[in-house]
Protein backbone atom coordinates (compact mmCIF):
# COMPACT_ATOMS: atom_id res chain seq x y z
CA MET A 1 -11.11 7.33 -7.08
CA ASN A 2 -9.76 8.00 -10.54
CA MET A 3 -7.02 6.74 -12.86
CA ASP A 4 -4.43 8.76 -10.94
CA ASP A 5 -4.96 6.21 -8.15
CA PHE A 6 -3.83 3.28 -10.31
CA GLY A 7 -0.43 2.74 -8.65
CA SER A 8 -1.79 2.92 -5.12
CA LEU A 9 -4.73 0.64 -5.86
CA TYR A 10 -2.52 -1.83 -7.74
CA LYS A 11 -0.52 -2.31 -4.50
CA VAL A 12 -3.75 -3.48 -2.85
CA LEU A 13 -5.59 -5.45 -5.53
CA ALA A 14 -2.51 -7.21 -6.95
CA ASP A 15 -1.36 -8.40 -3.51
CA LYS A 16 -1.83 -12.17 -3.38
CA ASP A 17 -2.26 -12.20 0.41
CA ILE A 18 -4.94 -9.49 0.43
CA MET A 19 -6.78 -11.06 -2.51
CA GLN A 20 -6.48 -14.68 -1.32
CA HIS A 21 -10.25 -14.80 -0.78
CA TYR A 22 -11.05 -13.54 -4.30
CA PRO A 23 -11.39 -15.79 -7.34
CA TYR A 24 -8.29 -14.09 -8.85
CA ILE A 25 -5.49 -11.62 -8.19
CA PHE A 26 -5.71 -8.38 -10.18
CA ASP A 27 -3.32 -7.50 -12.97
CA GLY A 28 -2.93 -3.99 -14.42
CA LYS A 29 -5.91 -4.32 -16.78
CA ARG A 30 -8.21 -5.52 -14.01
CA VAL A 31 -7.14 -2.62 -11.76
CA ARG A 32 -7.85 -0.10 -14.55
CA ASP A 33 -11.22 -1.79 -15.19
CA TRP A 34 -11.97 -1.63 -11.43
CA ILE A 35 -11.32 2.10 -11.35
CA GLU A 36 -13.37 2.69 -14.50
CA ARG A 37 -16.25 0.60 -13.13
CA ASN A 38 -16.30 2.71 -9.97
CA MET A 39 -16.16 5.96 -11.93
CA ASN A 40 -19.20 4.69 -13.88
CA ARG A 41 -20.94 3.81 -10.60
CA TYR A 42 -20.46 7.39 -9.39
CA ARG A 43 -22.20 8.67 -12.52
CA GLU A 44 -24.97 6.05 -12.59
CA ASN A 45 -25.70 5.50 -8.88
CA GLY A 46 -24.14 8.48 -7.12
CA PHE A 47 -21.87 6.12 -5.17
CA GLY A 48 -19.29 3.37 -5.57
CA LEU A 49 -16.02 2.40 -3.94
CA TRP A 50 -14.11 5.50 -2.87
CA ALA A 51 -10.41 5.97 -2.19
CA VAL A 52 -9.37 5.45 1.43
CA CYS A 53 -6.64 7.97 2.18
CA LEU A 54 -4.56 8.69 5.25
CA LYS A 55 -5.64 11.95 6.87
CA ASP A 56 -2.12 13.21 7.61
CA ASN A 57 -0.67 12.97 4.09
CA GLY A 58 -3.49 12.00 1.69
CA GLU A 59 -1.80 8.72 0.71
CA MET A 60 -4.29 6.23 -0.76
CA ILE A 61 -4.19 2.94 1.16
CA GLY A 62 -7.23 1.18 -0.27
CA ASP A 63 -10.87 1.55 -1.15
CA CYS A 64 -14.21 1.37 0.61
CA GLY A 65 -17.71 2.19 -0.43
CA LEU A 66 -21.19 1.20 -1.39
CA THR A 67 -21.95 -0.86 -4.50
CA LEU A 68 -24.88 -2.88 -5.73
CA GLN A 69 -23.90 -6.55 -5.71
CA ASN A 70 -25.58 -9.79 -6.68
CA ILE A 71 -26.12 -11.56 -3.38
CA GLU A 72 -27.86 -14.88 -3.98
CA GLY A 73 -29.72 -13.54 -7.03
CA GLU A 74 -30.69 -10.12 -5.61
CA MET A 75 -28.98 -6.81 -6.33
CA LEU A 76 -28.35 -5.43 -2.85
CA PRO A 77 -26.37 -2.48 -1.42
CA GLU A 78 -23.06 -3.81 -0.18
CA ILE A 79 -20.31 -2.16 1.82
CA GLY A 80 -16.95 -3.39 0.56
CA TYR A 81 -13.37 -2.57 1.50
CA HIS A 82 -9.77 -3.40 0.66
CA ILE A 83 -6.85 -2.01 2.69
CA ARG A 84 -3.14 -2.28 1.81
CA ALA A 85 -1.36 -4.97 3.83
CA ASP A 86 0.95 -2.64 5.78
CA GLN A 87 -2.04 -0.54 6.88
CA GLN A 88 -4.27 -3.40 8.04
CA ARG A 89 -5.21 -3.91 11.70
CA LYS A 90 -5.07 -0.18 12.40
CA GLY A 91 -8.81 0.43 12.28
CA TYR A 92 -8.92 2.02 8.82
CA ALA A 93 -11.36 -0.50 7.31
CA LYS A 94 -13.67 -0.13 10.30
CA GLU A 95 -13.50 3.68 10.19
CA ALA A 96 -14.13 3.78 6.44
CA ALA A 97 -16.92 1.18 6.54
CA ALA A 98 -18.66 3.02 9.39
CA ALA A 99 -18.49 6.26 7.39
CA VAL A 100 -20.01 4.47 4.37
CA ARG A 101 -22.73 2.98 6.59
CA ASP A 102 -23.59 6.41 7.97
CA TRP A 103 -23.54 7.97 4.50
CA ALA A 104 -25.74 5.24 3.05
CA PHE A 105 -28.38 5.41 5.76
CA THR A 106 -28.42 9.22 5.49
CA ASN A 107 -28.40 9.52 1.69
CA THR A 108 -30.31 6.47 0.44
CA ASP A 109 -33.60 4.76 1.23
CA TYR A 110 -32.17 1.24 1.43
CA PRO A 111 -33.83 -0.69 4.27
CA ALA A 112 -30.62 -2.68 4.88
CA LEU A 113 -26.93 -2.73 4.05
CA TYR A 114 -24.96 -5.91 3.40
CA SER A 115 -21.41 -7.12 3.34
CA TYR A 116 -20.47 -10.39 1.72
CA CYS A 117 -17.31 -12.39 1.29
CA LYS A 118 -15.89 -15.86 0.98
CA HIS A 119 -16.69 -17.78 4.17
CA THR A 120 -12.97 -18.12 4.98
CA ASN A 121 -12.44 -14.33 4.99
CA VAL A 122 -12.84 -13.92 8.74
CA GLY A 123 -11.18 -10.49 8.77
CA SER A 124 -13.75 -9.12 6.34
CA TYR A 125 -16.82 -10.31 8.18
CA LYS A 126 -15.31 -9.30 11.53
CA THR A 127 -14.94 -5.78 10.11
CA ALA A 128 -18.61 -5.88 9.08
CA GLU A 129 -19.54 -6.96 12.61
CA SER A 130 -17.45 -4.14 14.07
CA ILE A 131 -19.79 -1.59 12.43
CA GLY A 132 -22.94 -3.26 13.73
CA MET A 133 -23.66 -5.87 11.06
CA HIS A 134 -24.54 -9.41 12.01
CA PHE A 135 -24.56 -12.79 10.32
CA GLU A 136 -27.48 -13.25 7.95
CA LYS A 137 -26.70 -16.43 6.01
CA GLU A 138 -24.23 -18.50 4.06
CA TYR A 139 -24.92 -20.02 0.66
CA PRO A 140 -23.06 -22.04 -1.99
CA ASP A 141 -21.50 -19.86 -4.68
CA SER A 142 -19.35 -20.74 -7.68
CA ASP A 143 -16.90 -17.84 -7.03
CA ASN A 144 -16.57 -18.17 -3.25
CA GLU A 145 -17.48 -21.84 -2.69
CA ILE A 146 -19.56 -20.60 0.23
CA THR A 147 -20.50 -16.93 0.58
CA HIS A 148 -20.90 -15.40 4.03
CA VAL A 149 -23.44 -12.54 4.26
CA SER A 150 -23.70 -9.95 7.02
CA VAL A 151 -26.51 -7.39 7.28
CA LEU A 152 -27.52 -4.27 9.17
CA PHE A 153 -31.15 -3.20 8.94
CA ARG A 154 -32.00 0.48 9.03
CA ARG A 155 -34.33 -0.10 12.00
CA GLU A 156 -31.36 -1.55 13.94
CA PHE A 157 -29.20 1.47 13.28
CA THR A 158 -29.99 4.23 15.77
CA ASP A 159 -27.05 6.62 15.37
CA ILE A 160 -28.74 8.79 12.72
């Protein structure tokens, strides 16, 4: 992901329906900051959210990747994803998240991977479950009201 992806990512992050479970909808500045933050993550951590592109034409339809997120006071590796509305329910989030899961368990030493979202974001935690994650906990959170956390422990993942 780089600044050339601004227009494509704006279509995702500025969509009020897609971002209904976030504390805010992105404007242009927030999208540019999002891209810059991920470019910094690549340099600092060797990973971040990557562009999700269609195989047949290279069109960017969202993002998916591994980031370190504050989950109930701990910085934990989290698989996150956002897919453009017209490309949802086609398996792209699942495919991308599974690829990130495989990459993370192959290229990092993390004992577990997490996914978290607002408790009302059923689509997000169902995607996490589709790649082998399971419910870990819910906790009160000022951004999400209640945050839903899914987890997959390395010892549970046998496809490597």
